[in-house]
Amino acid sequence: MEIAPLEGIEQAAKIADLIGRTGLSPWDAHVAAIADVAICPILTLDAGKWNEASGPLEDPLFTIEIADPDQ
């Protein structure tokens, strides 16, 4: 698990750019920005959402779809 608060205006600007290019929520854009910088996968219940958001990006996001433990 990666935990990363925003550090400065450059990171905030990157998240704003991701929101504009991908349509992701601010929270999801923060996840995408951290995954992009840290080169780590995004664990998700919905890989399709992240694959769609990857379209406008130069490098696609790496996702791993996991099963819902409650189902």
PDB file of N, CA and C in Angstrom:
ATOM      1  N   MET A   1       0.846  -1.160   0.000  1.00  0.00           N
ATOM      2  CA  MET A   1       0.000   0.000   0.000  1.00  0.00           C
ATOM      3  C   MET A   1       0.896   1.229   0.000  1.00  0.00           C
ATOM      4  N   GLU A   2       0.536   2.181  -0.801  1.00  0.00           N
ATOM      5  CA  GLU A   2       1.273   3.442  -0.906  1.00  0.00           C
ATOM      6  C   GLU A   2       0.419   4.539  -0.285  1.00  0.00           C
ATOM      7  N   ILE A   3       0.978   5.282   0.661  1.00  0.00           N
ATOM      8  CA  ILE A   3       0.276   6.409   1.266  1.00  0.00           C
ATOM      9  C   ILE A   3       1.079   7.653   0.937  1.00  0.00           C
ATOM     10  N   ALA A   4       0.427   8.624   0.309  1.00  0.00           N
ATOM     11  CA  ALA A   4       1.181   9.788  -0.152  1.00  0.00           C
ATOM     12  C   ALA A   4       0.316  11.040  -0.136  1.00  0.00           C
ATOM     13  N   PRO A   5       0.562  11.927   0.813  1.00  0.00           N
ATOM     14  CA  PRO A   5      -0.144  13.207   0.794  1.00  0.00           C
ATOM     15  C   PRO A   5       0.441  14.116  -0.286  1.00  0.00           C
ATOM     16  N   LEU A   6      -0.307  15.133  -0.655  1.00  0.00           N
ATOM     17  CA  LEU A   6       0.200  16.109  -1.622  1.00  0.00           C
ATOM     18  C   LEU A   6       1.336  16.912  -1.007  1.00  0.00           C
ATOM     19  N   GLU A   7       2.342  17.169  -1.814  1.00  0.00           N
ATOM     20  CA  GLU A   7       3.466  17.993  -1.373  1.00  0.00           C
ATOM     21  C   GLU A   7       3.705  19.097  -2.393  1.00  0.00           C
ATOM     22  N   GLY A   8       3.051  20.199  -2.197  1.00  0.00           N
ATOM     23  CA  GLY A   8       3.340  21.357  -3.024  1.00  0.00           C
ATOM     24  C   GLY A   8       2.433  21.547  -4.220  1.00  0.00           C
ATOM     25  N   ILE A   9       2.642  22.683  -4.849  1.00  0.00           N
ATOM     26  CA  ILE A   9       1.796  23.108  -5.959  1.00  0.00           C
ATOM     27  C   ILE A   9       2.000  22.262  -7.211  1.00  0.00           C
ATOM     28  N   GLU A  10       3.198  21.735  -7.426  1.00  0.00           N
ATOM     29  CA  GLU A  10       3.445  20.920  -8.620  1.00  0.00           C
ATOM     30  C   GLU A  10       2.598  19.655  -8.601  1.00  0.00           C
ATOM     31  N   GLN A  11       2.507  19.005  -7.444  1.00  0.00           N
ATOM     32  CA  GLN A  11       1.687  17.797  -7.355  1.00  0.00           C
ATOM     33  C   GLN A  11       0.209  18.139  -7.493  1.00  0.00           C
ATOM     34  N   ALA A  12      -0.210  19.248  -6.906  1.00  0.00           N
ATOM     35  CA  ALA A  12      -1.606  19.675  -7.048  1.00  0.00           C
ATOM     36  C   ALA A  12      -1.925  19.977  -8.509  1.00  0.00           C
ATOM     37  N   ALA A  13      -0.993  20.591  -9.217  1.00  0.00           N
ATOM     38  CA  ALA A  13      -1.201  20.895 -10.637  1.00  0.00           C
ATOM     39  C   ALA A  13      -1.290  19.619 -11.458  1.00  0.00           C
ATOM     40  N   LYS A  14      -0.490  18.606 -11.116  1.00  0.00           N
ATOM     41  CA  LYS A  14      -0.544  17.332 -11.836  1.00  0.00           C
ATOM     42  C   LYS A  14      -1.909  16.673 -11.645  1.00  0.00           C
ATOM     43  N   ILE A  15      -2.427  16.728 -10.432  1.00  0.00           N
ATOM     44  CA  ILE A  15      -3.740  16.139 -10.175  1.00  0.00           C
ATOM     45  C   ILE A  15      -4.821  16.907 -10.933  1.00  0.00           C
ATOM     46  N   ALA A  16      -4.740  18.224 -10.937  1.00  0.00           N
ATOM     47  CA  ALA A  16      -5.711  19.024 -11.693  1.00  0.00           C
ATOM     48  C   ALA A  16      -5.652  18.675 -13.177  1.00  0.00           C
ATOM     49  N   ASP A  17      -4.448  18.478 -13.702  1.00  0.00           N
ATOM     50  CA  ASP A  17      -4.284  18.084 -15.105  1.00  0.00           C
ATOM     51  C   ASP A  17      -4.913  16.714 -15.358  1.00  0.00           C
ATOM     52  N   LEU A  18      -4.691  15.768 -14.449  1.00  0.00           N
ATOM     53  CA  LEU A  18      -5.284  14.431 -14.605  1.00  0.00           C
ATOM     54  C   LEU A  18      -6.807  14.497 -14.571  1.00  0.00           C
ATOM     55  N   ILE A  19      -7.355  15.319 -13.696  1.00  0.00           N
ATOM     56  CA  ILE A  19      -8.810  15.471 -13.631  1.00  0.00           C
ATOM     57  C   ILE A  19      -9.327  15.978 -14.975  1.00  0.00           C
ATOM     58  N   GLY A  20      -8.660  16.983 -15.515  1.00  0.00           N
ATOM     59  CA  GLY A  20      -9.087  17.558 -16.797  1.00  0.00           C
ATOM     60  C   GLY A  20      -8.968  16.599 -17.962  1.00  0.00           C
ATOM     61  N   ARG A  21      -7.904  15.818 -18.000  1.00  0.00           N
ATOM     62  CA  ARG A  21      -7.680  14.914 -19.139  1.00  0.00           C
ATOM     63  C   ARG A  21      -8.461  13.617 -19.032  1.00  0.00           C
ATOM     64  N   THR A  22      -8.716  13.128 -17.822  1.00  0.00           N
ATOM     65  CA  THR A  22      -9.324  11.803 -17.673  1.00  0.00           C
ATOM     66  C   THR A  22     -10.769  11.824 -17.203  1.00  0.00           C
ATOM     67  N   GLY A  23     -11.197  12.918 -16.590  1.00  0.00           N
ATOM     68  CA  GLY A  23     -12.539  12.972 -16.032  1.00  0.00           C
ATOM     69  C   GLY A  23     -12.658  12.260 -14.692  1.00  0.00           C
ATOM     70  N   LEU A  24     -11.532  11.852 -14.119  1.00  0.00           N
ATOM     71  CA  LEU A  24     -11.554  11.188 -12.817  1.00  0.00           C
ATOM     72  C   LEU A  24     -11.929  12.181 -11.722  1.00  0.00           C
ATOM     73  N   SER A  25     -12.459  11.657 -10.625  1.00  0.00           N
ATOM     74  CA  SER A  25     -12.728  12.494  -9.456  1.00  0.00           C
ATOM     75  C   SER A  25     -11.390  12.948  -8.867  1.00  0.00           C
ATOM     76  N   PRO A  26     -11.389  13.965  -8.030  1.00  0.00           N
ATOM     77  CA  PRO A  26     -10.125  14.388  -7.405  1.00  0.00           C
ATOM     78  C   PRO A  26      -9.429  13.259  -6.647  1.00  0.00           C
ATOM     79  N   TRP A  27     -10.197  12.420  -5.984  1.00  0.00           N
ATOM     80  CA  TRP A  27      -9.616  11.323  -5.210  1.00  0.00           C
ATOM     81  C   TRP A  27      -9.004  10.274  -6.126  1.00  0.00           C
ATOM     82  N   ASP A  28      -9.725   9.921  -7.182  1.00  0.00           N
ATOM     83  CA  ASP A  28      -9.190   8.936  -8.129  1.00  0.00           C
ATOM     84  C   ASP A  28      -7.995   9.504  -8.899  1.00  0.00           C
ATOM     85  N   ALA A  29      -8.036  10.799  -9.204  1.00  0.00           N
ATOM     86  CA  ALA A  29      -6.897  11.420  -9.884  1.00  0.00           C
ATOM     87  C   ALA A  29      -5.664  11.408  -8.984  1.00  0.00           C
ATOM     88  N   HIS A  30      -5.867  11.566  -7.683  1.00  0.00           N
ATOM     89  CA  HIS A  30      -4.748  11.482  -6.736  1.00  0.00           C
ATOM     90  C   HIS A  30      -4.159  10.074  -6.767  1.00  0.00           C
ATOM     91  N   VAL A  31      -5.007   9.059  -6.763  1.00  0.00           N
ATOM     92  CA  VAL A  31      -4.540   7.669  -6.857  1.00  0.00           C
ATOM     93  C   VAL A  31      -3.755   7.467  -8.153  1.00  0.00           C
ATOM     94  N   ALA A  32      -4.291   7.955  -9.264  1.00  0.00           N
ATOM     95  CA  ALA A  32      -3.618   7.793 -10.560  1.00  0.00           C
ATOM     96  C   ALA A  32      -2.266   8.496 -10.579  1.00  0.00           C
ATOM     97  N   ALA A  33      -2.194   9.688 -10.007  1.00  0.00           N
ATOM     98  CA  ALA A  33      -0.932  10.435  -9.985  1.00  0.00           C
ATOM     99  C   ALA A  33       0.123   9.700  -9.174  1.00  0.00           C
ATOM    100  N   ILE A  34      -0.264   9.168  -8.029  1.00  0.00           N
ATOM    101  CA  ILE A  34       0.686   8.431  -7.186  1.00  0.00           C
ATOM    102  C   ILE A  34       1.120   7.151  -7.891  1.00  0.00           C
ATOM    103  N   ALA A  35       0.179   6.436  -8.481  1.00  0.00           N
ATOM    104  CA  ALA A  35       0.525   5.196  -9.187  1.00  0.00           C
ATOM    105  C   ALA A  35       1.465   5.477 -10.353  1.00  0.00           C
ATOM    106  N   ASP A  36       1.251   6.595 -11.030  1.00  0.00           N
ATOM    107  CA  ASP A  36       2.104   6.961 -12.160  1.00  0.00           C
ATOM    108  C   ASP A  36       3.526   7.283 -11.702  1.00  0.00           C
ATOM    109  N   VAL A  37       3.655   8.066 -10.662  1.00  0.00           N
ATOM    110  CA  VAL A  37       4.974   8.473 -10.170  1.00  0.00           C
ATOM    111  C   VAL A  37       5.705   7.310  -9.507  1.00  0.00           C
ATOM    112  N   ALA A  38       4.976   6.531  -8.705  1.00  0.00           N
ATOM    113  CA  ALA A  38       5.601   5.436  -7.957  1.00  0.00           C
ATOM    114  C   ALA A  38       5.764   4.173  -8.800  1.00  0.00           C
ATOM    115  N   ILE A  39       5.184   4.179  -9.997  1.00  0.00           N
ATOM    116  CA  ILE A  39       5.193   3.013 -10.883  1.00  0.00           C
ATOM    117  C   ILE A  39       4.703   1.781 -10.121  1.00  0.00           C
ATOM    118  N   CYS A  40       3.502   1.919  -9.566  1.00  0.00           N
ATOM    119  CA  CYS A  40       2.898   0.798  -8.852  1.00  0.00           C
ATOM    120  C   CYS A  40       1.484   0.586  -9.388  1.00  0.00           C
ATOM    121  N   PRO A  41       0.960  -0.629  -9.248  1.00  0.00           N
ATOM    122  CA  PRO A  41      -0.377  -0.906  -9.780  1.00  0.00           C
ATOM    123  C   PRO A  41      -1.476  -0.309  -8.909  1.00  0.00           C
ATOM    124  N   ILE A  42      -2.621  -0.149  -9.522  1.00  0.00           N
ATOM    125  CA  ILE A  42      -3.824   0.256  -8.811  1.00  0.00           C
ATOM    126  C   ILE A  42      -4.658  -1.001  -8.615  1.00  0.00           C
ATOM    127  N   LEU A  43      -4.900  -1.379  -7.363  1.00  0.00           N
ATOM    128  CA  LEU A  43      -5.788  -2.503  -7.073  1.00  0.00           C
ATOM    129  C   LEU A  43      -7.210  -1.967  -7.098  1.00  0.00           C
ATOM    130  N   THR A  44      -8.089  -2.615  -7.851  1.00  0.00           N
ATOM    131  CA  THR A  44      -9.429  -2.085  -8.045  1.00  0.00           C
ATOM    132  C   THR A  44     -10.449  -3.199  -8.224  1.00  0.00           C
ATOM    133  N   LEU A  45     -11.692  -2.873  -7.930  1.00  0.00           N
ATOM    134  CA  LEU A  45     -12.798  -3.779  -8.213  1.00  0.00           C
ATOM    135  C   LEU A  45     -13.331  -3.549  -9.627  1.00  0.00           C
ATOM    136  N   ASP A  46     -12.911  -2.452 -10.270  1.00  0.00           N
ATOM    137  CA  ASP A  46     -13.427  -2.066 -11.585  1.00  0.00           C
ATOM    138  C   ASP A  46     -12.283  -1.607 -12.497  1.00  0.00           C
ATOM    139  N   ALA A  47     -11.589  -2.546 -13.115  1.00  0.00           N
ATOM    140  CA  ALA A  47     -10.455  -2.211 -13.985  1.00  0.00           C
ATOM    141  C   ALA A  47     -10.899  -1.402 -15.203  1.00  0.00           C
ATOM    142  N   GLY A  48     -12.115  -1.621 -15.674  1.00  0.00           N
ATOM    143  CA  GLY A  48     -12.613  -0.898 -16.838  1.00  0.00           C
ATOM    144  C   GLY A  48     -12.596   0.608 -16.643  1.00  0.00           C
ATOM    145  N   LYS A  49     -12.953   1.058 -15.457  1.00  0.00           N
ATOM    146  CA  LYS A  49     -12.950   2.490 -15.148  1.00  0.00           C
ATOM    147  C   LYS A  49     -11.551   3.071 -15.319  1.00  0.00           C
ATOM    148  N   TRP A  50     -10.554   2.375 -14.832  1.00  0.00           N
ATOM    149  CA  TRP A  50      -9.174   2.858 -14.899  1.00  0.00           C
ATOM    150  C   TRP A  50      -8.614   2.729 -16.309  1.00  0.00           C
ATOM    151  N   ASN A  51      -8.997   1.674 -17.018  1.00  0.00           N
ATOM    152  CA  ASN A  51      -8.531   1.509 -18.397  1.00  0.00           C
ATOM    153  C   ASN A  51      -9.074   2.629 -19.280  1.00  0.00           C
ATOM    154  N   GLU A  52     -10.322   3.006 -19.054  1.00  0.00           N
ATOM    155  CA  GLU A  52     -10.919   4.107 -19.813  1.00  0.00           C
ATOM    156  C   GLU A  52     -10.202   5.425 -19.499  1.00  0.00           C
ATOM    157  N   ALA A  53      -9.889   5.632 -18.229  1.00  0.00           N
ATOM    158  CA  ALA A  53      -9.194   6.858 -17.824  1.00  0.00           C
ATOM    159  C   ALA A  53      -7.773   6.909 -18.382  1.00  0.00           C
ATOM    160  N   SER A  54      -7.181   5.754 -18.650  1.00  0.00           N
ATOM    161  CA  SER A  54      -5.814   5.697 -19.177  1.00  0.00           C
ATOM    162  C   SER A  54      -5.720   6.175 -20.618  1.00  0.00           C
ATOM    163  N   GLY A  55      -6.838   6.165 -21.339  1.00  0.00           N
ATOM    164  CA  GLY A  55      -6.830   6.514 -22.758  1.00  0.00           C
ATOM    165  C   GLY A  55      -6.087   7.790 -23.100  1.00  0.00           C
ATOM    166  N   PRO A  56      -6.383   8.908 -22.427  1.00  0.00           N
ATOM    167  CA  PRO A  56      -5.715  10.161 -22.781  1.00  0.00           C
ATOM    168  C   PRO A  56      -4.286  10.302 -22.243  1.00  0.00           C
ATOM    169  N   LEU A  57      -3.825   9.355 -21.472  1.00  0.00           N
ATOM    170  CA  LEU A  57      -2.495   9.463 -20.866  1.00  0.00           C
ATOM    171  C   LEU A  57      -1.416   8.917 -21.790  1.00  0.00           C
ATOM    172  N   GLU A  58      -0.213   9.461 -21.676  1.00  0.00           N
ATOM    173  CA  GLU A  58       0.910   8.980 -22.489  1.00  0.00           C
ATOM    174  C   GLU A  58       1.265   7.542 -22.136  1.00  0.00           C
ATOM    175  N   ASP A  59       1.314   7.250 -20.845  1.00  0.00           N
ATOM    176  CA  ASP A  59       1.600   5.896 -20.371  1.00  0.00           C
ATOM    177  C   ASP A  59       0.369   5.375 -19.650  1.00  0.00           C
ATOM    178  N   PRO A  60      -0.155   4.221 -20.055  1.00  0.00           N
ATOM    179  CA  PRO A  60      -1.359   3.709 -19.403  1.00  0.00           C
ATOM    180  C   PRO A  60      -1.094   3.350 -17.946  1.00  0.00           C
ATOM    181  N   LEU A  61      -2.149   3.447 -17.157  1.00  0.00           N
ATOM    182  CA  LEU A  61      -2.064   3.043 -15.759  1.00  0.00           C
ATOM    183  C   LEU A  61      -2.065   1.523 -15.687  1.00  0.00           C
ATOM    184  N   PHE A  62      -1.328   0.979 -14.752  1.00  0.00           N
ATOM    185  CA  PHE A  62      -1.276  -0.467 -14.551  1.00  0.00           C
ATOM    186  C   PHE A  62      -2.271  -0.809 -13.454  1.00  0.00           C
ATOM    187  N   THR A  63      -3.258  -1.635 -13.791  1.00  0.00           N
ATOM    188  CA  THR A  63      -4.289  -1.998 -12.820  1.00  0.00           C
ATOM    189  C   THR A  63      -4.314  -3.497 -12.602  1.00  0.00           C
ATOM    190  N   ILE A  64      -4.730  -3.865 -11.425  1.00  0.00           N
ATOM    191  CA  ILE A  64      -4.976  -5.265 -11.087  1.00  0.00           C
ATOM    192  C   ILE A  64      -6.389  -5.325 -10.529  1.00  0.00           C
ATOM    193  N   GLU A  65      -7.254  -6.048 -11.239  1.00  0.00           N
ATOM    194  CA  GLU A  65      -8.631  -6.172 -10.771  1.00  0.00           C
ATOM    195  C   GLU A  65      -8.706  -7.294  -9.749  1.00  0.00           C
ATOM    196  N   ILE A  66      -9.300  -6.981  -8.606  1.00  0.00           N
ATOM    197  CA  ILE A  66      -9.447  -7.966  -7.539  1.00  0.00           C
ATOM    198  C   ILE A  66     -10.923  -8.282  -7.354  1.00  0.00           C
ATOM    199  N   ALA A  67     -11.198  -9.438  -6.781  1.00  0.00           N
ATOM    200  CA  ALA A  67     -12.578  -9.848  -6.540  1.00  0.00           C
ATOM    201  C   ALA A  67     -13.090  -9.184  -5.266  1.00  0.00           C
ATOM    202  N   ASP A  68     -14.364  -8.864  -5.255  1.00  0.00           N
ATOM    203  CA  ASP A  68     -14.999  -8.300  -4.072  1.00  0.00           C
ATOM    204  C   ASP A  68     -15.091  -9.400  -3.022  1.00  0.00           C
ATOM    205  N   PRO A  69     -14.487  -9.230  -1.859  1.00  0.00           N
ATOM    206  CA  PRO A  69     -14.497 -10.290  -0.850  1.00  0.00           C
ATOM    207  C   PRO A  69     -15.884 -10.571  -0.284  1.00  0.00           C
ATOM    208  N   ASP A  70     -16.817  -9.637  -0.461  1.00  0.00           N
ATOM    209  CA  ASP A  70     -18.170  -9.831   0.057  1.00  0.00           C
ATOM    210  C   ASP A  70     -19.076 -10.572  -0.915  1.00  0.00           C
ATOM    211  N   GLN A  71     -18.561 -10.934  -2.082  1.00  0.00           N
ATOM    212  CA  GLN A  71     -19.418 -11.618  -3.057  1.00  0.00           C
ATOM    213  C   GLN A  71     -18.919 -12.998  -3.338  1.00  0.00           C
TER     214      GLN A  71
END
